[in-house]
């Protein structure tokens, strides 16, 4: 987990059958959890579709991955001894959510050597890619949650913008229902990592870089609303609040109604991973007003961008999963329309 979290610190610094239910053990995932991932990311930071159904099957899971051209996933499977994991599970069928070669290569490239999970942490991570039972693409619905072999929950989302996109913990399923002797394989476009352990508030509260927004949430007594499922929170860093015009933060602390209005403009009563934040989208915040989404030529996600010259809030850290939704980290406070909010 610590490897996950420090990875974010480097990036941010640089950027500025039905599945069976298993008993959950959140403590075992602590080192690869979202809060640990965020903590390490910000530790030293100045900021803070579906395709064909393949009828072929093979007895050996690693050989099957290789046959599907998931060579990097096959290498990881060998490293953690996936064959033995599946034997020890005693399951007659499973569904694997395995990353593409490109996804694994990108993950390794962006994750510094010193931050990579050791074999034991990697084994825990791979177990989170395994769903007991056959989970076919036809069974996947929006915000469907299932428990993995690891014990951590996986959340599936369906986005119908220009075309249908289905994700699992934010990773897009690009090739579904590939058969193997013991079940199914869904190919995804990124490594499913980090893992959710706490809810939105618990995840943010564990990271010093978000101490300001957590304090404001408590002042506004929004903990219950923030514990709802599903939810997306646009989380400004401490630096984002410090960048507000002089006096604004103090004014928010004095005016509870205004504070609630601003904070609820950062909350969305649905789970919006980046795959569901396409350019041109209008997303309604819990506060009632809409937030516009755009993407620039570098595929950066911008919110409420007014013009080419204007500085819009930017998502600087995407898709941090929590047990009740997702966190999108933003570099600026997203202000509601002026009819609802006046700068001191």
C-alpha atoms as a PDB file:
ATOM      1  CA  UNK A   1       0.000   0.000   0.000  1.00  0.00           C
ATOM      2  CA  UNK A   2       2.804   2.304   0.830  1.00  0.00           C
ATOM      3  CA  UNK A   3       4.063   1.780  -2.683  1.00  0.00           C
ATOM      4  CA  UNK A   4       0.748   2.956  -4.064  1.00  0.00           C
ATOM      5  CA  UNK A   5       0.598   6.075  -1.986  1.00  0.00           C
ATOM      6  CA  UNK A   6       4.123   7.313  -2.704  1.00  0.00           C
ATOM      7  CA  UNK A   7       3.445   6.863  -6.395  1.00  0.00           C
ATOM      8  CA  UNK A   8       0.841   9.657  -6.136  1.00  0.00           C
ATOM      9  CA  UNK A   9       3.309  11.927  -4.364  1.00  0.00           C
ATOM     10  CA  UNK A  10       5.700  11.642  -7.296  1.00  0.00           C
ATOM     11  CA  UNK A  11       2.971  12.278  -9.870  1.00  0.00           C
ATOM     12  CA  UNK A  12       1.462  15.266  -8.083  1.00  0.00           C
ATOM     13  CA  UNK A  13       4.845  16.757  -7.461  1.00  0.00           C
ATOM     14  CA  UNK A  14       5.618  16.430 -11.149  1.00  0.00           C
ATOM     15  CA  UNK A  15       2.245  17.730 -12.226  1.00  0.00           C
ATOM     16  CA  UNK A  16       2.512  20.778  -9.863  1.00  0.00           C
ATOM     17  CA  UNK A  17     -22.681 -18.429 -11.465  1.00  0.00           C
ATOM     18  CA  UNK A  18     -23.195 -15.481  -9.233  1.00  0.00           C
ATOM     19  CA  UNK A  19     -20.286 -14.207  -7.341  1.00  0.00           C
ATOM     20  CA  UNK A  20     -20.113 -15.631  -3.827  1.00  0.00           C
ATOM     21  CA  UNK A  21     -19.606 -13.340  -0.861  1.00  0.00           C
ATOM     22  CA  UNK A  22     -16.514 -13.747   1.265  1.00  0.00           C
ATOM     23  CA  UNK A  23     -15.822 -12.284   4.638  1.00  0.00           C
ATOM     24  CA  UNK A  24     -14.128  -8.888   4.465  1.00  0.00           C
ATOM     25  CA  UNK A  25     -10.828  -8.109   6.127  1.00  0.00           C
ATOM     26  CA  UNK A  26     -10.009  -4.467   5.475  1.00  0.00           C
ATOM     27  CA  UNK A  27      -6.935  -4.484   7.688  1.00  0.00           C
ATOM     28  CA  UNK A  28      -5.066  -6.881   5.416  1.00  0.00           C
ATOM     29  CA  UNK A  29      -5.379  -4.362   2.567  1.00  0.00           C
ATOM     30  CA  UNK A  30      -4.105  -1.401   4.539  1.00  0.00           C
ATOM     31  CA  UNK A  31      -0.768  -1.194   2.741  1.00  0.00           C
ATOM     32  CA  UNK A  32      -2.457  -1.145  -0.672  1.00  0.00           C
ATOM     33  CA  UNK A  33      -5.451   1.009   0.285  1.00  0.00           C
ATOM     34  CA  UNK A  34      -6.533   4.323  -1.221  1.00  0.00           C
ATOM     35  CA  UNK A  35      -5.695   6.314   1.908  1.00  0.00           C
ATOM     36  CA  UNK A  36      -2.152   4.915   2.098  1.00  0.00           C
ATOM     37  CA  UNK A  37      -1.755   5.589  -1.620  1.00  0.00           C
ATOM     38  CA  UNK A  38      -2.856   9.215  -1.189  1.00  0.00           C
ATOM     39  CA  UNK A  39      -0.780   9.666   1.949  1.00  0.00           C
ATOM     40  CA  UNK A  40       2.409   8.679   0.185  1.00  0.00           C
ATOM     41  CA  UNK A  41       1.575  10.695  -2.916  1.00  0.00           C
ATOM     42  CA  UNK A  42       1.245  13.892  -0.937  1.00  0.00           C
ATOM     43  CA  UNK A  43       3.927  13.092   1.652  1.00  0.00           C
ATOM     44  CA  UNK A  44       6.624  15.186  -0.012  1.00  0.00           C
ATOM     45  CA  UNK A  45       4.439  17.105  -2.422  1.00  0.00           C
ATOM     46  CA  UNK A  46       4.446  20.877  -2.637  1.00  0.00           C
ATOM     47  CA  UNK A  47       0.671  20.668  -3.340  1.00  0.00           C
ATOM     48  CA  UNK A  48      -0.549  19.437  -0.592  1.00  0.00           C
ATOM     49  CA  UNK A  49     -16.778  -2.859 -25.802  1.00  0.00           C
ATOM     50  CA  UNK A  50     -17.382  -5.631 -24.874  1.00  0.00           C
ATOM     51  CA  UNK A  51     -16.059  -7.926 -27.580  1.00  0.00           C
ATOM     52  CA  UNK A  52     -16.769 -11.425 -28.697  1.00  0.00           C
ATOM     53  CA  UNK A  53     -17.440 -14.314 -26.388  1.00  0.00           C
ATOM     54  CA  UNK A  54     -14.595 -16.755 -26.922  1.00  0.00           C
ATOM     55  CA  UNK A  55     -15.605 -20.368 -26.645  1.00  0.00           C
ATOM     56  CA  UNK A  56     -12.061 -21.675 -26.492  1.00  0.00           C
ATOM     57  CA  UNK A  57     -10.824 -22.676 -23.058  1.00  0.00           C
ATOM     58  CA  UNK A  58      -7.622 -24.017 -21.603  1.00  0.00           C
ATOM     59  CA  UNK A  59      -6.878 -25.879 -18.419  1.00  0.00           C
ATOM     60  CA  UNK A  60      -3.944 -23.740 -17.373  1.00  0.00           C
ATOM     61  CA  UNK A  61      -4.775 -20.145 -16.380  1.00  0.00           C
ATOM     62  CA  UNK A  62      -1.325 -18.775 -17.213  1.00  0.00           C
ATOM     63  CA  UNK A  63      -1.272 -20.439 -20.622  1.00  0.00           C
ATOM     64  CA  UNK A  64      -4.732 -19.024 -21.230  1.00  0.00           C
ATOM     65  CA  UNK A  65      -3.594 -15.497 -20.377  1.00  0.00           C
ATOM     66  CA  UNK A  66      -0.672 -15.879 -22.762  1.00  0.00           C
ATOM     67  CA  UNK A  67      -2.978 -17.154 -25.495  1.00  0.00           C
ATOM     68  CA  UNK A  68      -5.135 -14.048 -25.031  1.00  0.00           C
ATOM     69  CA  UNK A  69      -1.990 -11.906 -25.478  1.00  0.00           C
ATOM     70  CA  UNK A  70      -2.131 -10.814 -21.830  1.00  0.00           C
ATOM     71  CA  UNK A  71       1.561 -11.567 -21.441  1.00  0.00           C
ATOM     72  CA  UNK A  72       2.261  -9.015 -18.708  1.00  0.00           C
ATOM     73  CA  UNK A  73      -0.688 -10.310 -16.682  1.00  0.00           C
ATOM     74  CA  UNK A  74       0.613 -13.850 -17.224  1.00  0.00           C
ATOM     75  CA  UNK A  75       4.009 -12.784 -15.872  1.00  0.00           C
ATOM     76  CA  UNK A  76       2.384 -11.313 -12.772  1.00  0.00           C
ATOM     77  CA  UNK A  77       0.300 -14.482 -12.395  1.00  0.00           C
ATOM     78  CA  UNK A  78       3.475 -16.559 -12.428  1.00  0.00           C
ATOM     79  CA  UNK A  79       5.177 -14.222  -9.963  1.00  0.00           C
ATOM     80  CA  UNK A  80       2.403 -14.603  -7.364  1.00  0.00           C
ATOM     81  CA  UNK A  81       1.674 -18.252  -8.258  1.00  0.00           C
ATOM     82  CA  UNK A  82      -1.897 -17.673  -9.393  1.00  0.00           C
ATOM     83  CA  UNK A  83      -2.333 -21.387 -10.022  1.00  0.00           C
ATOM     84  CA  UNK A  84      -1.796 -22.095  -6.330  1.00  0.00           C
ATOM     85  CA  UNK A  85      -4.026 -19.185  -5.291  1.00  0.00           C
ATOM     86  CA  UNK A  86      -6.873 -20.655  -7.325  1.00  0.00           C
ATOM     87  CA  UNK A  87      -6.238 -24.171  -5.988  1.00  0.00           C
ATOM     88  CA  UNK A  88      -6.196 -22.898  -2.401  1.00  0.00           C
ATOM     89  CA  UNK A  89      -9.438 -20.985  -2.929  1.00  0.00           C
ATOM     90  CA  UNK A  90     -11.347 -24.215  -3.512  1.00  0.00           C
ATOM     91  CA  UNK A  91     -13.577 -22.393  -6.000  1.00  0.00           C
ATOM     92  CA  UNK A  92     -14.989 -24.300  -8.945  1.00  0.00           C
ATOM     93  CA  UNK A  93     -15.216 -21.158 -11.080  1.00  0.00           C
ATOM     94  CA  UNK A  94     -13.872 -17.606 -10.984  1.00  0.00           C
ATOM     95  CA  UNK A  95     -13.897 -14.392 -12.990  1.00  0.00           C
ATOM     96  CA  UNK A  96     -10.561 -12.637 -13.509  1.00  0.00           C
ATOM     97  CA  UNK A  97     -10.281  -8.892 -14.205  1.00  0.00           C
ATOM     98  CA  UNK A  98      -6.817  -8.768 -15.776  1.00  0.00           C
ATOM     99  CA  UNK A  99      -4.937  -5.719 -17.115  1.00  0.00           C
ATOM    100  CA  UNK A 100      -3.762  -5.447 -20.701  1.00  0.00           C
ATOM    101  CA  UNK A 101      -0.066  -5.404 -21.548  1.00  0.00           C
ATOM    102  CA  UNK A 102      -0.250  -1.665 -22.161  1.00  0.00           C
ATOM    103  CA  UNK A 103      -1.921  -1.113 -18.779  1.00  0.00           C
ATOM    104  CA  UNK A 104       0.750  -3.041 -16.881  1.00  0.00           C
ATOM    105  CA  UNK A 105       3.580  -1.322 -18.750  1.00  0.00           C
ATOM    106  CA  UNK A 106       2.110   2.106 -17.999  1.00  0.00           C
ATOM    107  CA  UNK A 107       1.676   1.200 -14.338  1.00  0.00           C
ATOM    108  CA  UNK A 108       5.281   0.046 -14.033  1.00  0.00           C
ATOM    109  CA  UNK A 109       6.580   3.039 -15.934  1.00  0.00           C
ATOM    110  CA  UNK A 110       4.779   5.524 -13.685  1.00  0.00           C
ATOM    111  CA  UNK A 111       5.503   3.702 -10.441  1.00  0.00           C
ATOM    112  CA  UNK A 112       9.068   4.298  -9.189  1.00  0.00           C
ATOM    113  CA  UNK A 113      11.061   1.160  -8.458  1.00  0.00           C
ATOM    114  CA  UNK A 114      11.199   1.821  -4.710  1.00  0.00           C
ATOM    115  CA  UNK A 115       7.401   2.092  -4.563  1.00  0.00           C
ATOM    116  CA  UNK A 116       6.472  -1.141  -6.302  1.00  0.00           C
ATOM    117  CA  UNK A 117       4.587  -3.722  -4.236  1.00  0.00           C
ATOM    118  CA  UNK A 118       6.661  -6.601  -2.932  1.00  0.00           C
ATOM    119  CA  UNK A 119       5.575 -10.147  -3.743  1.00  0.00           C
ATOM    120  CA  UNK A 120       3.259 -10.444  -0.749  1.00  0.00           C
ATOM    121  CA  UNK A 121       1.509  -7.117  -1.446  1.00  0.00           C
ATOM    122  CA  UNK A 122       1.261  -8.007  -5.127  1.00  0.00           C
ATOM    123  CA  UNK A 123      -0.355 -11.328  -4.229  1.00  0.00           C
ATOM    124  CA  UNK A 124      -2.997  -9.475  -2.183  1.00  0.00           C
ATOM    125  CA  UNK A 125      -3.562  -7.154  -5.123  1.00  0.00           C
ATOM    126  CA  UNK A 126      -4.006  -9.986  -7.622  1.00  0.00           C
ATOM    127  CA  UNK A 127      -6.521 -11.651  -5.290  1.00  0.00           C
ATOM    128  CA  UNK A 128      -8.573  -8.461  -5.615  1.00  0.00           C
ATOM    129  CA  UNK A 129      -8.748  -9.082  -9.374  1.00  0.00           C
ATOM    130  CA  UNK A 130     -10.469 -12.413  -8.760  1.00  0.00           C
ATOM    131  CA  UNK A 131     -14.250 -12.657  -8.347  1.00  0.00           C
ATOM    132  CA  UNK A 132     -15.604 -15.984  -7.095  1.00  0.00           C
ATOM    133  CA  UNK A 133     -18.023 -17.472  -9.629  1.00  0.00           C
ATOM    134  CA  UNK A 134     -18.781 -16.615 -13.252  1.00  0.00           C
ATOM    135  CA  UNK A 135     -19.648 -12.937 -13.656  1.00  0.00           C
ATOM    136  CA  UNK A 136     -20.696 -12.461 -17.262  1.00  0.00           C
ATOM    137  CA  UNK A 137     -20.864  -9.068 -18.943  1.00  0.00           C
ATOM    138  CA  UNK A 138     -24.655  -9.401 -19.209  1.00  0.00           C
ATOM    139  CA  UNK A 139     -24.828  -9.450 -15.394  1.00  0.00           C
ATOM    140  CA  UNK A 140     -22.974  -6.166 -14.937  1.00  0.00           C
ATOM    141  CA  UNK A 141     -25.054  -3.169 -13.880  1.00  0.00           C
ATOM    142  CA  UNK A 142     -24.264   0.347 -12.761  1.00  0.00           C
ATOM    143  CA  UNK A 143     -22.838   0.493  -9.219  1.00  0.00           C
ATOM    144  CA  UNK A 144     -22.964  -3.278  -8.874  1.00  0.00           C
ATOM    145  CA  UNK A 145     -20.584  -4.297  -6.081  1.00  0.00           C
ATOM    146  CA  UNK A 146     -19.098  -7.741  -5.604  1.00  0.00           C
ATOM    147  CA  UNK A 147     -16.578  -9.071  -3.148  1.00  0.00           C
ATOM    148  CA  UNK A 148     -13.266 -10.270  -4.481  1.00  0.00           C
ATOM    149  CA  UNK A 149     -11.193 -13.203  -3.308  1.00  0.00           C
ATOM    150  CA  UNK A 150      -9.089 -10.650  -1.435  1.00  0.00           C
ATOM    151  CA  UNK A 151     -12.152  -9.471   0.524  1.00  0.00           C
ATOM    152  CA  UNK A 152     -12.101  -5.993  -1.001  1.00  0.00           C
ATOM    153  CA  UNK A 153     -15.180  -4.884  -2.921  1.00  0.00           C
ATOM    154  CA  UNK A 154     -15.083  -4.292  -6.672  1.00  0.00           C
ATOM    155  CA  UNK A 155     -17.557  -1.779  -8.097  1.00  0.00           C
ATOM    156  CA  UNK A 156     -18.820  -2.009 -11.663  1.00  0.00           C
ATOM    157  CA  UNK A 157     -20.159   1.092 -13.393  1.00  0.00           C
ATOM    158  CA  UNK A 158     -21.913   1.570 -16.713  1.00  0.00           C
ATOM    159  CA  UNK A 159     -21.570   4.884 -18.572  1.00  0.00           C
ATOM    160  CA  UNK A 160     -23.681   5.569 -21.660  1.00  0.00           C
ATOM    161  CA  UNK A 161     -22.308   8.763 -23.177  1.00  0.00           C
ATOM    162  CA  UNK A 162     -21.148   8.503 -26.789  1.00  0.00           C
ATOM    163  CA  UNK A 163     -20.915   4.732 -26.421  1.00  0.00           C
ATOM    164  CA  UNK A 164     -21.372   2.221 -23.656  1.00  0.00           C
ATOM    165  CA  UNK A 165     -18.445   1.955 -21.276  1.00  0.00           C
ATOM    166  CA  UNK A 166     -18.279  -0.516 -18.409  1.00  0.00           C
ATOM    167  CA  UNK A 167     -15.660  -0.136 -15.696  1.00  0.00           C
ATOM    168  CA  UNK A 168     -14.499  -2.058 -12.661  1.00  0.00           C
ATOM    169  CA  UNK A 169     -13.030   0.225  -9.989  1.00  0.00           C
ATOM    170  CA  UNK A 170     -12.539   2.758 -12.765  1.00  0.00           C
ATOM    171  CA  UNK A 171     -10.698   0.390 -15.140  1.00  0.00           C
ATOM    172  CA  UNK A 172     -12.524   0.077 -18.431  1.00  0.00           C
ATOM    173  CA  UNK A 173     -13.430  -3.432 -19.562  1.00  0.00           C
ATOM    174  CA  UNK A 174     -12.158  -3.631 -23.125  1.00  0.00           C
ATOM    175  CA  UNK A 175     -12.619  -7.344 -23.817  1.00  0.00           C
ATOM    176  CA  UNK A 176     -15.182  -9.348 -21.858  1.00  0.00           C
ATOM    177  CA  UNK A 177     -16.318 -12.942 -21.391  1.00  0.00           C
ATOM    178  CA  UNK A 178     -13.150 -14.669 -22.571  1.00  0.00           C
ATOM    179  CA  UNK A 179     -13.503 -18.231 -21.397  1.00  0.00           C
ATOM    180  CA  UNK A 180     -11.072 -20.439 -19.552  1.00  0.00           C
ATOM    181  CA  UNK A 181     -11.596 -23.858 -18.060  1.00  0.00           C
ATOM    182  CA  UNK A 182     -12.372 -22.479 -14.592  1.00  0.00           C
ATOM    183  CA  UNK A 183     -14.417 -19.440 -15.570  1.00  0.00           C
ATOM    184  CA  UNK A 184     -14.095 -16.101 -17.354  1.00  0.00           C
ATOM    185  CA  UNK A 185     -11.524 -13.383 -18.031  1.00  0.00           C
ATOM    186  CA  UNK A 186     -12.364  -9.703 -18.513  1.00  0.00           C
ATOM    187  CA  UNK A 187      -9.521  -7.597 -19.917  1.00  0.00           C
ATOM    188  CA  UNK A 188      -9.247  -4.079 -18.454  1.00  0.00           C
ATOM    189  CA  UNK A 189      -7.332  -1.017 -19.614  1.00  0.00           C
ATOM    190  CA  UNK A 190      -5.533  -0.256 -16.365  1.00  0.00           C
ATOM    191  CA  UNK A 191      -4.258  -2.001 -13.280  1.00  0.00           C
ATOM    192  CA  UNK A 192      -6.924  -2.133 -10.567  1.00  0.00           C
ATOM    193  CA  UNK A 193      -4.999  -0.312  -7.837  1.00  0.00           C
ATOM    194  CA  UNK A 194      -5.203   1.054  -5.155  1.00  0.00           C
ATOM    195  CA  UNK A 195      -7.959  -0.762  -3.275  1.00  0.00           C
ATOM    196  CA  UNK A 196     -10.819   0.809  -1.300  1.00  0.00           C
ATOM    197  CA  UNK A 197     -10.667   0.307   2.464  1.00  0.00           C
ATOM    198  CA  UNK A 198     -12.524   3.241   4.054  1.00  0.00           C
ATOM    199  CA  UNK A 199     -15.335   5.502   2.879  1.00  0.00           C
ATOM    200  CA  UNK A 200     -14.721   8.958   1.400  1.00  0.00           C
ATOM    201  CA  UNK A 201     -14.307  10.770   4.725  1.00  0.00           C
ATOM    202  CA  UNK A 202     -12.185   8.030   6.277  1.00  0.00           C
ATOM    203  CA  UNK A 203      -9.903   7.925   3.246  1.00  0.00           C
ATOM    204  CA  UNK A 204      -9.381  11.699   3.151  1.00  0.00           C
ATOM    205  CA  UNK A 205      -9.069  12.033   6.937  1.00  0.00           C
ATOM    206  CA  UNK A 206      -6.092   9.695   6.889  1.00  0.00           C
ATOM    207  CA  UNK A 207      -4.098  12.025   4.594  1.00  0.00           C
ATOM    208  CA  UNK A 208      -2.665  15.323   5.877  1.00  0.00           C
ATOM    209  CA  UNK A 209      -2.896  16.942   2.427  1.00  0.00           C
ATOM    210  CA  UNK A 210      -6.704  17.003   2.822  1.00  0.00           C
ATOM    211  CA  UNK A 211      -6.926  18.189   6.431  1.00  0.00           C
ATOM    212  CA  UNK A 212      -8.603  21.479   5.426  1.00  0.00           C
ATOM    213  CA  UNK A 213     -11.460  19.938   3.458  1.00  0.00           C
ATOM    214  CA  UNK A 214     -12.003  17.290   6.147  1.00  0.00           C
ATOM    215  CA  UNK A 215     -12.201  20.003   8.823  1.00  0.00           C
ATOM    216  CA  UNK A 216     -14.681  21.974   6.722  1.00  0.00           C
ATOM    217  CA  UNK A 217     -16.806  18.865   6.152  1.00  0.00           C
ATOM    218  CA  UNK A 218     -17.043  18.401   9.896  1.00  0.00           C
ATOM    219  CA  UNK A 219     -17.873  22.068  10.474  1.00  0.00           C
ATOM    220  CA  UNK A 220     -20.689  21.804   7.941  1.00  0.00           C
ATOM    221  CA  UNK A 221     -21.899  18.537   9.521  1.00  0.00           C
ATOM    222  CA  UNK A 222     -21.850  16.719   6.193  1.00  0.00           C
ATOM    223  CA  UNK A 223     -20.417  13.413   7.431  1.00  0.00           C
ATOM    224  CA  UNK A 224     -23.716  11.555   7.078  1.00  0.00           C
ATOM    225  CA  UNK A 225     -24.312  12.839   3.554  1.00  0.00           C
ATOM    226  CA  UNK A 226     -20.726  11.952   2.646  1.00  0.00           C
ATOM    227  CA  UNK A 227     -21.205   8.401   3.901  1.00  0.00           C
ATOM    228  CA  UNK A 228     -23.968   7.806   1.331  1.00  0.00           C
ATOM    229  CA  UNK A 229     -23.387   5.276  -1.441  1.00  0.00           C
ATOM    230  CA  UNK A 230     -22.898   6.001  -4.316  1.00  0.00           C
ATOM    231  CA  UNK A 231     -20.977   9.281  -4.183  1.00  0.00           C
ATOM    232  CA  UNK A 232     -18.196  11.157  -5.967  1.00  0.00           C
ATOM    233  CA  UNK A 233     -16.228  13.825  -4.129  1.00  0.00           C
ATOM    234  CA  UNK A 234     -14.114  16.441  -5.877  1.00  0.00           C
ATOM    235  CA  UNK A 235     -11.505  16.875  -3.153  1.00  0.00           C
ATOM    236  CA  UNK A 236      -9.442  20.083  -3.120  1.00  0.00           C
ATOM    237  CA  UNK A 237      -6.010  19.828  -1.546  1.00  0.00           C
ATOM    238  CA  UNK A 238      -4.936  22.112   1.309  1.00  0.00           C
ATOM    239  CA  UNK A 239      -3.005  24.116  -1.283  1.00  0.00           C
ATOM    240  CA  UNK A 240      -6.227  24.649  -3.247  1.00  0.00           C
ATOM    241  CA  UNK A 241      -7.870  26.307  -0.242  1.00  0.00           C
ATOM    242  CA  UNK A 242      -4.758  28.366   0.436  1.00  0.00           C
ATOM    243  CA  UNK A 243      -4.974  29.692  -3.133  1.00  0.00           C
ATOM    244  CA  UNK A 244      -8.416  31.237  -2.533  1.00  0.00           C
ATOM    245  CA  UNK A 245      -8.531  35.054  -2.405  1.00  0.00           C
ATOM    246  CA  UNK A 246      -7.653  36.530   0.974  1.00  0.00           C
ATOM    247  CA  UNK A 247     -10.454  36.255   3.509  1.00  0.00           C
ATOM    248  CA  UNK A 248     -12.574  33.735   1.601  1.00  0.00           C
ATOM    249  CA  UNK A 249     -11.644  30.697   3.687  1.00  0.00           C
ATOM    250  CA  UNK A 250     -12.271  32.582   6.942  1.00  0.00           C
ATOM    251  CA  UNK A 251     -15.610  33.774   5.576  1.00  0.00           C
ATOM    252  CA  UNK A 252     -16.598  30.185   4.764  1.00  0.00           C
ATOM    253  CA  UNK A 253     -15.769  29.101   8.297  1.00  0.00           C
ATOM    254  CA  UNK A 254     -17.995  31.860   9.705  1.00  0.00           C
ATOM    255  CA  UNK A 255     -20.958  31.231   7.396  1.00  0.00           C
ATOM    256  CA  UNK A 256     -22.237  27.651   7.700  1.00  0.00           C
ATOM    257  CA  UNK A 257     -24.824  27.991   4.929  1.00  0.00           C
ATOM    258  CA  UNK A 258     -22.286  29.329   2.468  1.00  0.00           C
ATOM    259  CA  UNK A 259     -19.837  26.625   3.517  1.00  0.00           C
ATOM    260  CA  UNK A 260     -22.389  23.879   2.941  1.00  0.00           C
ATOM    261  CA  UNK A 261     -23.223  25.349  -0.446  1.00  0.00           C
ATOM    262  CA  UNK A 262     -19.580  25.281  -1.556  1.00  0.00           C
ATOM    263  CA  UNK A 263     -18.833  21.804  -0.193  1.00  0.00           C
ATOM    264  CA  UNK A 264     -21.984  20.257  -1.649  1.00  0.00           C
ATOM    265  CA  UNK A 265     -20.917  21.660  -5.023  1.00  0.00           C
ATOM    266  CA  UNK A 266     -17.984  19.227  -4.706  1.00  0.00           C
ATOM    267  CA  UNK A 267     -20.291  16.248  -4.136  1.00  0.00           C
ATOM    268  CA  UNK A 268     -22.093  14.179  -6.779  1.00  0.00           C
ATOM    269  CA  UNK A 269     -24.694  11.572  -5.834  1.00  0.00           C
ATOM    270  CA  UNK A 270     -23.274   8.987  -8.205  1.00  0.00           C
ATOM    271  CA  UNK A 271     -19.930   7.347  -8.883  1.00  0.00           C
ATOM    272  CA  UNK A 272     -18.084   9.186 -11.649  1.00  0.00           C
ATOM    273  CA  UNK A 273     -14.790   7.594 -12.501  1.00  0.00           C
ATOM    274  CA  UNK A 274     -12.758   9.423 -15.128  1.00  0.00           C
ATOM    275  CA  UNK A 275     -14.116   7.082 -17.815  1.00  0.00           C
ATOM    276  CA  UNK A 276     -17.513   8.693 -17.165  1.00  0.00           C
ATOM    277  CA  UNK A 277     -16.192  12.261 -17.302  1.00  0.00           C
ATOM    278  CA  UNK A 278     -16.240  12.827 -21.033  1.00  0.00           C
ATOM    279  CA  UNK A 279     -15.744  16.254 -22.579  1.00  0.00           C
ATOM    280  CA  UNK A 280     -18.970  18.222 -22.919  1.00  0.00           C
ATOM    281  CA  UNK A 281     -20.685  16.475 -20.015  1.00  0.00           C
ATOM    282  CA  UNK A 282     -22.784  18.413 -17.506  1.00  0.00           C
ATOM    283  CA  UNK A 283     -22.856  16.798 -14.077  1.00  0.00           C
ATOM    284  CA  UNK A 284     -25.326  17.853 -11.410  1.00  0.00           C
ATOM    285  CA  UNK A 285     -23.806  18.445  -7.990  1.00  0.00           C
ATOM    286  CA  UNK A 286     -25.602  17.620  -4.748  1.00  0.00           C
ATOM    287  CA  UNK A 287     -25.964  21.368  -4.232  1.00  0.00           C
ATOM    288  CA  UNK A 288     -28.226  21.552  -7.294  1.00  0.00           C
ATOM    289  CA  UNK A 289     -26.143  23.308  -9.922  1.00  0.00           C
ATOM    290  CA  UNK A 290     -24.280  21.690 -12.776  1.00  0.00           C
ATOM    291  CA  UNK A 291     -20.546  21.284 -13.305  1.00  0.00           C
ATOM    292  CA  UNK A 292     -19.244  21.277 -16.867  1.00  0.00           C
ATOM    293  CA  UNK A 293     -16.525  18.828 -17.898  1.00  0.00           C
ATOM    294  CA  UNK A 294     -13.968  19.345 -20.639  1.00  0.00           C
ATOM    295  CA  UNK A 295     -10.712  17.718 -21.664  1.00  0.00           C
ATOM    296  CA  UNK A 296      -7.724  19.475 -23.150  1.00  0.00           C
ATOM    297  CA  UNK A 297      -5.316  18.188 -25.806  1.00  0.00           C
ATOM    298  CA  UNK A 298      -3.351  16.338 -23.109  1.00  0.00           C
ATOM    299  CA  UNK A 299      -6.548  14.636 -21.884  1.00  0.00           C
ATOM    300  CA  UNK A 300      -6.508  16.560 -18.617  1.00  0.00           C
ATOM    301  CA  UNK A 301      -9.950  16.841 -17.023  1.00  0.00           C
ATOM    302  CA  UNK A 302     -11.038  20.459 -16.500  1.00  0.00           C
ATOM    303  CA  UNK A 303     -14.113  21.649 -14.597  1.00  0.00           C
ATOM    304  CA  UNK A 304     -16.181  24.743 -15.422  1.00  0.00           C
ATOM    305  CA  UNK A 305     -13.654  26.025 -17.965  1.00  0.00           C
ATOM    306  CA  UNK A 306     -14.883  29.402 -19.254  1.00  0.00           C
ATOM    307  CA  UNK A 307     -12.359  30.177 -21.991  1.00  0.00           C
ATOM    308  CA  UNK A 308      -8.973  29.177 -23.378  1.00  0.00           C
ATOM    309  CA  UNK A 309      -7.337  31.856 -21.244  1.00  0.00           C
ATOM    310  CA  UNK A 310      -9.132  31.047 -17.998  1.00  0.00           C
ATOM    311  CA  UNK A 311      -7.638  28.866 -15.273  1.00  0.00           C
ATOM    312  CA  UNK A 312     -10.121  26.102 -14.546  1.00  0.00           C
ATOM    313  CA  UNK A 313     -10.012  23.593 -11.695  1.00  0.00           C
ATOM    314  CA  UNK A 314      -8.186  20.492 -12.887  1.00  0.00           C
ATOM    315  CA  UNK A 315      -8.384  16.874 -11.755  1.00  0.00           C
ATOM    316  CA  UNK A 316      -4.788  16.194 -10.764  1.00  0.00           C
ATOM    317  CA  UNK A 317      -5.308  12.745  -9.301  1.00  0.00           C
ATOM    318  CA  UNK A 318      -7.958  10.472 -10.759  1.00  0.00           C
ATOM    319  CA  UNK A 319     -10.063   7.596  -9.594  1.00  0.00           C
ATOM    320  CA  UNK A 320      -9.205   7.025  -5.930  1.00  0.00           C
ATOM    321  CA  UNK A 321     -11.695   4.306  -4.937  1.00  0.00           C
ATOM    322  CA  UNK A 322     -13.474   4.261  -1.594  1.00  0.00           C
ATOM    323  CA  UNK A 323     -15.978   1.818  -0.141  1.00  0.00           C
ATOM    324  CA  UNK A 324     -18.863   4.173  -0.961  1.00  0.00           C
ATOM    325  CA  UNK A 325     -17.665   5.813  -4.172  1.00  0.00           C
ATOM    326  CA  UNK A 326     -14.693   7.599  -5.655  1.00  0.00           C
ATOM    327  CA  UNK A 327     -12.484  10.628  -4.995  1.00  0.00           C
ATOM    328  CA  UNK A 328     -11.255  12.926  -7.771  1.00  0.00           C
ATOM    329  CA  UNK A 329      -8.504  15.223  -6.459  1.00  0.00           C
ATOM    330  CA  UNK A 330      -8.674  18.806  -7.776  1.00  0.00           C
ATOM    331  CA  UNK A 331      -6.077  21.581  -7.674  1.00  0.00           C
ATOM    332  CA  UNK A 332      -8.573  24.413  -7.085  1.00  0.00           C
ATOM    333  CA  UNK A 333     -11.759  24.922  -5.123  1.00  0.00           C
ATOM    334  CA  UNK A 334     -14.685  24.577  -7.528  1.00  0.00           C
ATOM    335  CA  UNK A 335     -16.906  27.588  -6.880  1.00  0.00           C
ATOM    336  CA  UNK A 336     -20.674  27.505  -7.504  1.00  0.00           C
ATOM    337  CA  UNK A 337     -22.332  30.072  -9.801  1.00  0.00           C
ATOM    338  CA  UNK A 338     -22.144  33.616  -8.438  1.00  0.00           C
ATOM    339  CA  UNK A 339     -25.883  33.767  -7.763  1.00  0.00           C
ATOM    340  CA  UNK A 340     -25.237  31.292  -4.952  1.00  0.00           C
ATOM    341  CA  UNK A 341     -21.839  32.406  -3.790  1.00  0.00           C
ATOM    342  CA  UNK A 342     -20.108  35.729  -3.303  1.00  0.00           C
ATOM    343  CA  UNK A 343     -16.398  36.036  -2.550  1.00  0.00           C
ATOM    344  CA  UNK A 344     -16.539  37.790   0.864  1.00  0.00           C
END
